[in-house]
Amino acid sequence: MRKPANIIAAFGLVLGGVLGMVGTMVARQNVRAIAWSIDGMALVVATCLLALRYFRKGNDCVAAGFLVYAIGEGVMLGGTAGSLQASVPSFAAGTALWAAALLLTGIPKEFALWTRTTSILGGVLFAIVAGKYSSASRCCRLPRHCRTSLIRSWCSRLPAGS
């Protein structure tokens, strides 16, 4: 007999994948927001259930990867109600977490080699995308002179010899 958690996880992954594509293809903002909200919720539930499964199997790294993915998806949920432009910072942060999650699930030898290779390649590509979107987003960046002052103040608080 199949465990209900496995069925819910599989359903959540499929629902998340389908509604994520639907949200990408529609032009109306309200339809996109609804599709992406349900997509995000389904993926968070599915990946949390997968994290519990792999934690119980004793594979903490893979479990952590699924949890990081759930956190990344949760970060992206914050941007689903806004316009595409307004959601760029949450998209960049969520994509960076997706990259880390794919590496955490792909590096251990839990899955088949082709799955692990795809996961690692996807993680690298997501990291590139996150970097490009993060550097393009100017909404949260401090001016250069402020960053320099901030770094100096942090460094002055470090113990000697650090």
N, C-alpha and C. Protein backbone atom coordinates (compact mmCIF):
# COMPACT_ATOMS: atom_id res chain seq x y z
N MET A 1 0.83 -1.18 0.00
CA MET A 1 0.00 0.00 0.00
C MET A 1 0.89 1.25 0.00
N ARG A 2 0.50 2.23 -0.77
CA ARG A 2 1.27 3.47 -0.85
C ARG A 2 0.95 4.36 0.33
N LYS A 3 1.99 5.03 0.82
CA LYS A 3 1.80 5.95 1.94
C LYS A 3 1.14 7.23 1.44
N PRO A 4 0.19 7.77 2.21
CA PRO A 4 -0.46 9.02 1.80
C PRO A 4 0.52 10.17 1.60
N ALA A 5 1.59 10.22 2.41
CA ALA A 5 2.57 11.30 2.27
C ALA A 5 3.26 11.26 0.90
N ASN A 6 3.54 10.05 0.41
CA ASN A 6 4.17 9.92 -0.92
C ASN A 6 3.22 10.38 -2.02
N ILE A 7 1.95 10.05 -1.87
CA ILE A 7 0.95 10.46 -2.88
C ILE A 7 0.79 11.98 -2.85
N ILE A 8 0.73 12.56 -1.66
CA ILE A 8 0.59 14.02 -1.54
C ILE A 8 1.83 14.71 -2.12
N ALA A 9 3.01 14.18 -1.83
CA ALA A 9 4.24 14.77 -2.37
C ALA A 9 4.26 14.71 -3.89
N ALA A 10 3.90 13.56 -4.46
CA ALA A 10 3.88 13.43 -5.91
C ALA A 10 2.85 14.38 -6.53
N PHE A 11 1.67 14.44 -5.92
CA PHE A 11 0.63 15.33 -6.42
C PHE A 11 1.08 16.80 -6.33
N GLY A 12 1.72 17.16 -5.23
CA GLY A 12 2.22 18.53 -5.07
C GLY A 12 3.27 18.90 -6.10
N LEU A 13 4.16 17.96 -6.41
CA LEU A 13 5.18 18.23 -7.43
C LEU A 13 4.56 18.42 -8.81
N VAL A 14 3.60 17.57 -9.14
CA VAL A 14 2.93 17.68 -10.45
C VAL A 14 2.12 18.97 -10.52
N LEU A 15 1.32 19.23 -9.48
CA LEU A 15 0.50 20.45 -9.46
C LEU A 15 1.38 21.70 -9.52
N GLY A 16 2.46 21.70 -8.77
CA GLY A 16 3.38 22.83 -8.79
C GLY A 16 4.00 23.04 -10.15
N GLY A 17 4.42 21.96 -10.78
CA GLY A 17 5.01 22.07 -12.11
C GLY A 17 4.03 22.60 -13.15
N VAL A 18 2.81 22.06 -13.13
CA VAL A 18 1.80 22.47 -14.11
C VAL A 18 1.40 23.93 -13.90
N LEU A 19 1.08 24.30 -12.66
CA LEU A 19 0.63 25.67 -12.41
C LEU A 19 1.76 26.68 -12.54
N GLY A 20 2.99 26.26 -12.32
CA GLY A 20 4.12 27.14 -12.56
C GLY A 20 4.24 27.49 -14.03
N MET A 21 4.03 26.50 -14.89
CA MET A 21 4.05 26.76 -16.34
C MET A 21 2.86 27.60 -16.76
N VAL A 22 1.69 27.30 -16.21
CA VAL A 22 0.50 28.09 -16.54
C VAL A 22 0.72 29.56 -16.17
N GLY A 23 1.24 29.80 -14.97
CA GLY A 23 1.49 31.17 -14.53
C GLY A 23 2.48 31.89 -15.41
N THR A 24 3.42 31.16 -15.97
CA THR A 24 4.41 31.76 -16.87
C THR A 24 3.81 32.15 -18.21
N MET A 25 2.80 31.41 -18.64
CA MET A 25 2.26 31.61 -19.99
C MET A 25 1.08 32.57 -20.06
N VAL A 26 0.44 32.89 -18.95
CA VAL A 26 -0.73 33.77 -19.02
C VAL A 26 -0.31 35.23 -18.96
N ALA A 27 -1.12 36.08 -19.57
CA ALA A 27 -0.81 37.51 -19.60
C ALA A 27 -1.49 38.28 -18.46
N ARG A 28 -2.60 37.78 -17.96
CA ARG A 28 -3.34 38.49 -16.91
C ARG A 28 -2.66 38.30 -15.57
N GLN A 29 -2.40 39.42 -14.90
CA GLN A 29 -1.67 39.38 -13.64
C GLN A 29 -2.42 38.62 -12.55
N ASN A 30 -3.74 38.77 -12.47
CA ASN A 30 -4.48 38.09 -11.40
C ASN A 30 -4.47 36.57 -11.59
N VAL A 31 -4.56 36.10 -12.83
CA VAL A 31 -4.50 34.66 -13.10
C VAL A 31 -3.10 34.13 -12.79
N ARG A 32 -2.08 34.91 -13.18
CA ARG A 32 -0.69 34.51 -12.91
C ARG A 32 -0.46 34.42 -11.41
N ALA A 33 -0.97 35.39 -10.65
CA ALA A 33 -0.78 35.40 -9.20
C ALA A 33 -1.44 34.19 -8.54
N ILE A 34 -2.64 33.85 -8.98
CA ILE A 34 -3.33 32.69 -8.42
C ILE A 34 -2.59 31.40 -8.76
N ALA A 35 -2.19 31.26 -10.03
CA ALA A 35 -1.48 30.05 -10.46
C ALA A 35 -0.17 29.90 -9.69
N TRP A 36 0.60 30.98 -9.58
CA TRP A 36 1.88 30.89 -8.88
C TRP A 36 1.71 30.72 -7.38
N SER A 37 0.65 31.24 -6.80
CA SER A 37 0.42 31.04 -5.36
C SER A 37 0.12 29.57 -5.06
N ILE A 38 -0.74 28.97 -5.87
CA ILE A 38 -1.07 27.55 -5.66
C ILE A 38 0.16 26.69 -5.99
N ASP A 39 0.87 27.05 -7.05
CA ASP A 39 2.11 26.36 -7.42
C ASP A 39 3.10 26.37 -6.26
N GLY A 40 3.33 27.54 -5.67
CA GLY A 40 4.28 27.65 -4.57
C GLY A 40 3.85 26.86 -3.35
N MET A 41 2.57 26.94 -3.01
CA MET A 41 2.06 26.20 -1.85
C MET A 41 2.22 24.70 -2.06
N ALA A 42 1.89 24.22 -3.26
CA ALA A 42 2.00 22.79 -3.55
C ALA A 42 3.45 22.32 -3.48
N LEU A 43 4.37 23.13 -4.00
CA LEU A 43 5.78 22.74 -3.96
C LEU A 43 6.36 22.79 -2.56
N VAL A 44 5.93 23.74 -1.75
CA VAL A 44 6.39 23.79 -0.36
C VAL A 44 5.94 22.54 0.40
N VAL A 45 4.68 22.18 0.25
CA VAL A 45 4.17 20.98 0.92
C VAL A 45 4.92 19.73 0.44
N ALA A 46 5.06 19.60 -0.87
CA ALA A 46 5.72 18.41 -1.43
C ALA A 46 7.16 18.30 -0.98
N THR A 47 7.92 19.40 -1.04
CA THR A 47 9.33 19.31 -0.68
C THR A 47 9.53 19.14 0.83
N CYS A 48 8.63 19.66 1.64
CA CYS A 48 8.73 19.39 3.09
C CYS A 48 8.48 17.92 3.39
N LEU A 49 7.51 17.32 2.71
CA LEU A 49 7.27 15.89 2.89
C LEU A 49 8.47 15.06 2.41
N LEU A 50 9.07 15.47 1.30
CA LEU A 50 10.27 14.76 0.82
C LEU A 50 11.43 14.94 1.80
N ALA A 51 11.55 16.12 2.39
CA ALA A 51 12.60 16.34 3.39
C ALA A 51 12.43 15.39 4.57
N LEU A 52 11.20 15.23 5.03
CA LEU A 52 10.96 14.30 6.14
C LEU A 52 11.29 12.87 5.74
N ARG A 53 10.94 12.50 4.53
CA ARG A 53 11.22 11.14 4.05
C ARG A 53 12.72 10.84 4.06
N TYR A 54 13.52 11.77 3.50
CA TYR A 54 14.96 11.53 3.42
C TYR A 54 15.64 11.71 4.77
N PHE A 55 15.07 12.52 5.64
CA PHE A 55 15.61 12.64 7.00
C PHE A 55 15.44 11.32 7.74
N ARG A 56 14.27 10.72 7.60
CA ARG A 56 14.01 9.43 8.25
C ARG A 56 14.90 8.32 7.68
N LYS A 57 15.27 8.43 6.41
CA LYS A 57 16.18 7.46 5.79
C LYS A 57 17.62 7.66 6.25
N GLY A 58 17.88 8.79 6.92
CA GLY A 58 19.23 9.06 7.41
C GLY A 58 20.08 9.87 6.45
N ASN A 59 19.49 10.41 5.40
CA ASN A 59 20.27 11.21 4.45
C ASN A 59 19.98 12.69 4.72
N ASP A 60 20.71 13.23 5.68
CA ASP A 60 20.48 14.59 6.13
C ASP A 60 20.74 15.63 5.05
N CYS A 61 21.74 15.41 4.20
CA CYS A 61 22.08 16.38 3.17
C CYS A 61 20.95 16.52 2.15
N VAL A 62 20.41 15.41 1.70
CA VAL A 62 19.29 15.45 0.75
C VAL A 62 18.06 16.06 1.43
N ALA A 63 17.82 15.70 2.68
CA ALA A 63 16.70 16.28 3.42
C ALA A 63 16.86 17.79 3.54
N ALA A 64 18.06 18.23 3.84
CA ALA A 64 18.32 19.67 3.93
C ALA A 64 18.09 20.35 2.58
N GLY A 65 18.46 19.67 1.50
CA GLY A 65 18.23 20.22 0.17
C GLY A 65 16.75 20.46 -0.10
N PHE A 66 15.93 19.50 0.27
CA PHE A 66 14.49 19.67 0.07
C PHE A 66 13.93 20.78 0.97
N LEU A 67 14.46 20.91 2.19
CA LEU A 67 14.02 22.01 3.05
C LEU A 67 14.44 23.37 2.49
N VAL A 68 15.66 23.45 1.99
CA VAL A 68 16.12 24.71 1.40
C VAL A 68 15.28 25.06 0.18
N TYR A 69 14.90 24.04 -0.59
CA TYR A 69 14.02 24.30 -1.74
C TYR A 69 12.68 24.86 -1.27
N ALA A 70 12.13 24.28 -0.20
CA ALA A 70 10.85 24.77 0.33
C ALA A 70 10.98 26.21 0.81
N ILE A 71 12.09 26.53 1.44
CA ILE A 71 12.30 27.90 1.90
C ILE A 71 12.42 28.84 0.69
N GLY A 72 13.14 28.42 -0.33
CA GLY A 72 13.27 29.24 -1.54
C GLY A 72 11.93 29.48 -2.21
N GLU A 73 11.12 28.46 -2.25
CA GLU A 73 9.78 28.60 -2.83
C GLU A 73 8.93 29.53 -1.98
N GLY A 74 9.09 29.44 -0.67
CA GLY A 74 8.36 30.34 0.22
C GLY A 74 8.78 31.79 0.02
N VAL A 75 10.07 32.01 -0.20
CA VAL A 75 10.55 33.37 -0.48
C VAL A 75 9.92 33.88 -1.77
N MET A 76 9.82 33.04 -2.77
CA MET A 76 9.22 33.45 -4.04
C MET A 76 7.73 33.74 -3.90
N LEU A 77 7.07 33.06 -2.99
CA LEU A 77 5.64 33.31 -2.78
C LEU A 77 5.37 34.76 -2.42
N GLY A 78 6.33 35.41 -1.78
CA GLY A 78 6.17 36.80 -1.42
C GLY A 78 6.04 37.74 -2.60
N GLY A 79 6.51 37.32 -3.76
CA GLY A 79 6.44 38.17 -4.93
C GLY A 79 5.33 37.84 -5.91
N THR A 80 4.54 36.84 -5.61
CA THR A 80 3.53 36.41 -6.58
C THR A 80 2.39 37.39 -6.76
N ALA A 81 2.07 38.17 -5.75
CA ALA A 81 0.92 39.07 -5.86
C ALA A 81 1.26 40.36 -6.61
N GLY A 82 2.54 40.69 -6.69
CA GLY A 82 2.93 41.93 -7.34
C GLY A 82 3.13 41.76 -8.84
N SER A 83 3.55 42.84 -9.46
CA SER A 83 3.86 42.80 -10.89
C SER A 83 5.14 41.99 -11.10
N LEU A 84 5.41 41.68 -12.35
CA LEU A 84 6.63 40.94 -12.64
C LEU A 84 7.86 41.72 -12.19
N GLN A 85 7.88 43.01 -12.44
CA GLN A 85 9.02 43.84 -12.03
C GLN A 85 9.17 43.87 -10.51
N ALA A 86 8.06 43.95 -9.80
CA ALA A 86 8.11 44.00 -8.34
C ALA A 86 8.56 42.68 -7.72
N SER A 87 8.40 41.59 -8.45
CA SER A 87 8.76 40.28 -7.90
C SER A 87 10.21 39.88 -8.17
N VAL A 88 10.98 40.73 -8.84
CA VAL A 88 12.37 40.39 -9.18
C VAL A 88 13.23 40.10 -7.95
N PRO A 89 13.22 40.93 -6.90
CA PRO A 89 14.07 40.61 -5.75
C PRO A 89 13.73 39.27 -5.09
N SER A 90 12.44 38.96 -4.92
CA SER A 90 12.09 37.67 -4.30
C SER A 90 12.42 36.53 -5.26
N PHE A 91 12.30 36.75 -6.57
CA PHE A 91 12.68 35.73 -7.54
C PHE A 91 14.18 35.45 -7.46
N ALA A 92 14.98 36.50 -7.39
CA ALA A 92 16.44 36.32 -7.31
C ALA A 92 16.84 35.56 -6.05
N ALA A 93 16.25 35.93 -4.91
CA ALA A 93 16.58 35.26 -3.66
C ALA A 93 16.12 33.80 -3.67
N GLY A 94 14.90 33.57 -4.17
CA GLY A 94 14.39 32.20 -4.24
C GLY A 94 15.20 31.33 -5.19
N THR A 95 15.63 31.90 -6.30
CA THR A 95 16.44 31.15 -7.26
C THR A 95 17.80 30.79 -6.67
N ALA A 96 18.37 31.69 -5.89
CA ALA A 96 19.64 31.38 -5.22
C ALA A 96 19.46 30.21 -4.26
N LEU A 97 18.34 30.20 -3.54
CA LEU A 97 18.08 29.07 -2.63
C LEU A 97 17.81 27.79 -3.41
N TRP A 98 17.13 27.90 -4.55
CA TRP A 98 16.94 26.71 -5.40
C TRP A 98 18.28 26.14 -5.83
N ALA A 99 19.22 27.02 -6.19
CA ALA A 99 20.54 26.56 -6.61
C ALA A 99 21.21 25.76 -5.49
N ALA A 100 21.17 26.30 -4.29
CA ALA A 100 21.76 25.59 -3.15
C ALA A 100 21.04 24.25 -2.91
N ALA A 101 19.72 24.26 -3.03
CA ALA A 101 18.94 23.04 -2.81
C ALA A 101 19.29 21.96 -3.83
N LEU A 102 19.43 22.35 -5.09
CA LEU A 102 19.78 21.37 -6.12
C LEU A 102 21.17 20.78 -5.89
N LEU A 103 22.09 21.59 -5.42
CA LEU A 103 23.42 21.07 -5.11
C LEU A 103 23.37 20.14 -3.90
N LEU A 104 22.58 20.50 -2.90
CA LEU A 104 22.47 19.65 -1.71
C LEU A 104 21.84 18.29 -2.03
N THR A 105 20.90 18.27 -2.97
CA THR A 105 20.27 16.99 -3.32
C THR A 105 21.05 16.24 -4.38
N GLY A 106 21.87 16.94 -5.16
CA GLY A 106 22.58 16.30 -6.25
C GLY A 106 23.95 15.75 -5.92
N ILE A 107 24.62 16.31 -4.95
CA ILE A 107 25.98 15.88 -4.64
C ILE A 107 26.01 14.51 -3.94
N PRO A 108 25.18 14.26 -2.92
CA PRO A 108 25.19 12.91 -2.29
C PRO A 108 24.77 11.84 -3.30
N LYS A 109 25.19 10.63 -3.07
CA LYS A 109 24.90 9.53 -3.99
C LYS A 109 23.58 8.84 -3.68
N GLU A 110 22.52 9.61 -3.49
CA GLU A 110 21.20 9.08 -3.17
C GLU A 110 20.43 8.71 -4.43
N PHE A 111 20.60 9.46 -5.49
CA PHE A 111 19.83 9.27 -6.71
C PHE A 111 20.72 8.72 -7.82
N ALA A 112 20.08 8.35 -8.93
CA ALA A 112 20.82 7.84 -10.10
C ALA A 112 21.77 8.93 -10.62
N LEU A 113 22.82 8.50 -11.30
CA LEU A 113 23.84 9.43 -11.78
C LEU A 113 23.27 10.50 -12.70
N TRP A 114 22.36 10.12 -13.60
CA TRP A 114 21.80 11.12 -14.53
C TRP A 114 20.97 12.15 -13.77
N THR A 115 20.30 11.74 -12.70
CA THR A 115 19.51 12.66 -11.89
C THR A 115 20.43 13.61 -11.14
N ARG A 116 21.49 13.07 -10.58
CA ARG A 116 22.45 13.90 -9.85
C ARG A 116 23.15 14.88 -10.77
N THR A 117 23.51 14.43 -11.96
CA THR A 117 24.17 15.31 -12.94
C THR A 117 23.24 16.45 -13.34
N THR A 118 21.99 16.11 -13.61
CA THR A 118 21.00 17.14 -13.97
C THR A 118 20.80 18.11 -12.81
N SER A 119 20.76 17.61 -11.60
CA SER A 119 20.58 18.45 -10.42
C SER A 119 21.74 19.42 -10.24
N ILE A 120 22.95 18.93 -10.39
CA ILE A 120 24.13 19.79 -10.22
C ILE A 120 24.19 20.83 -11.34
N LEU A 121 23.93 20.41 -12.57
CA LEU A 121 23.91 21.35 -13.69
C LEU A 121 22.82 22.41 -13.48
N GLY A 122 21.64 21.98 -13.07
CA GLY A 122 20.56 22.92 -12.78
C GLY A 122 20.93 23.88 -11.67
N GLY A 123 21.60 23.38 -10.64
CA GLY A 123 22.03 24.24 -9.53
C GLY A 123 22.99 25.32 -9.99
N VAL A 124 23.93 24.94 -10.85
CA VAL A 124 24.88 25.93 -11.39
C VAL A 124 24.14 26.96 -12.24
N LEU A 125 23.23 26.51 -13.10
CA LEU A 125 22.48 27.43 -13.95
C LEU A 125 21.59 28.37 -13.12
N PHE A 126 20.94 27.83 -12.10
CA PHE A 126 20.12 28.68 -11.22
C PHE A 126 20.99 29.71 -10.49
N ALA A 127 22.20 29.31 -10.10
CA ALA A 127 23.10 30.26 -9.42
C ALA A 127 23.47 31.40 -10.37
N ILE A 128 23.69 31.09 -11.63
CA ILE A 128 23.99 32.13 -12.62
C ILE A 128 22.80 33.07 -12.78
N VAL A 129 21.60 32.50 -12.91
CA VAL A 129 20.39 33.33 -13.05
C VAL A 129 20.21 34.20 -11.82
N ALA A 130 20.37 33.62 -10.64
CA ALA A 130 20.21 34.40 -9.40
C ALA A 130 21.21 35.54 -9.34
N GLY A 131 22.43 35.27 -9.76
CA GLY A 131 23.45 36.32 -9.77
C GLY A 131 23.12 37.44 -10.73
N LYS A 132 22.63 37.07 -11.91
CA LYS A 132 22.27 38.09 -12.90
C LYS A 132 21.10 38.94 -12.41
N TYR A 133 20.07 38.31 -11.84
CA TYR A 133 18.92 39.07 -11.36
C TYR A 133 19.28 39.88 -10.12
N SER A 134 20.13 39.35 -9.27
CA SER A 134 20.52 40.09 -8.07
C SER A 134 21.33 41.32 -8.43
N SER A 135 22.22 41.20 -9.40
CA SER A 135 23.05 42.34 -9.79
C SER A 135 22.25 43.35 -10.59
N ALA A 136 21.18 42.91 -11.25
CA ALA A 136 20.36 43.84 -12.03
C ALA A 136 19.38 44.60 -11.16
N SER A 137 19.07 44.06 -9.99
CA SER A 137 18.09 44.70 -9.10
C SER A 137 18.78 45.78 -8.29
N ARG A 138 18.32 46.99 -8.42
CA ARG A 138 18.93 48.12 -7.73
C ARG A 138 18.11 48.56 -6.52
N CYS A 139 16.99 47.90 -6.27
CA CYS A 139 16.08 48.40 -5.23
C CYS A 139 16.66 48.28 -3.83
N CYS A 140 17.48 47.32 -3.58
CA CYS A 140 17.96 47.08 -2.22
C CYS A 140 19.45 47.32 -2.08
N ARG A 141 20.10 47.89 -3.06
CA ARG A 141 21.54 48.07 -3.02
C ARG A 141 21.89 49.38 -2.32
N LEU A 142 22.91 49.32 -1.52
CA LEU A 142 23.43 50.52 -0.87
C LEU A 142 24.40 51.21 -1.82
N PRO A 143 24.49 52.53 -1.76
CA PRO A 143 25.50 53.22 -2.56
C PRO A 143 26.90 52.75 -2.15
N ARG A 144 27.84 52.83 -3.07
CA ARG A 144 29.19 52.31 -2.86
C ARG A 144 29.83 52.86 -1.57
N HIS A 145 29.72 54.17 -1.34
CA HIS A 145 30.36 54.75 -0.15
C HIS A 145 29.73 54.21 1.13
N CYS A 146 28.44 53.88 1.11
CA CYS A 146 27.78 53.30 2.29
C CYS A 146 28.26 51.87 2.54
N ARG A 147 28.42 51.10 1.45
CA ARG A 147 28.92 49.73 1.59
C ARG A 147 30.33 49.74 2.17
N THR A 148 31.17 50.64 1.68
CA THR A 148 32.55 50.72 2.17
C THR A 148 32.56 51.06 3.66
N SER A 149 31.74 52.03 4.06
CA SER A 149 31.67 52.41 5.48
C SER A 149 31.16 51.26 6.33
N LEU A 150 30.19 50.54 5.81
CA LEU A 150 29.62 49.41 6.55
C LEU A 150 30.66 48.32 6.74
N ILE A 151 31.41 48.00 5.70
CA ILE A 151 32.45 46.97 5.79
C ILE A 151 33.53 47.40 6.78
N ARG A 152 33.93 48.66 6.73
CA ARG A 152 34.94 49.16 7.67
C ARG A 152 34.45 49.03 9.11
N SER A 153 33.20 49.37 9.35
CA SER A 153 32.69 49.29 10.72
C SER A 153 32.62 47.85 11.21
N TRP A 154 32.26 46.92 10.30
CA TRP A 154 32.24 45.51 10.69
C TRP A 154 33.65 45.02 11.00
N CYS A 155 34.59 45.38 10.13
CA CYS A 155 35.97 44.92 10.31
C CYS A 155 36.60 45.50 11.58
N SER A 156 36.22 46.70 11.93
CA SER A 156 36.79 47.30 13.15
C SER A 156 36.30 46.58 14.40
N ARG A 157 35.22 45.84 14.32
CA ARG A 157 34.68 45.12 15.47
C ARG A 157 35.24 43.71 15.60
N LEU A 158 35.98 43.25 14.59
CA LEU A 158 36.54 41.89 14.65
C LEU A 158 37.65 41.83 15.69
N PRO A 159 37.77 40.70 16.38
CA PRO A 159 38.88 40.57 17.34
C PRO A 159 40.23 40.59 16.60
N ALA A 160 41.25 41.00 17.30
CA ALA A 160 42.59 41.05 16.69
C ALA A 160 43.01 39.65 16.23
N GLY A 161 43.65 39.60 15.08
CA GLY A 161 44.12 38.32 14.55
C GLY A 161 43.11 37.62 13.66
N SER A 162 41.94 38.20 13.45
CA SER A 162 40.91 37.56 12.60
C SER A 162 41.16 37.86 11.16
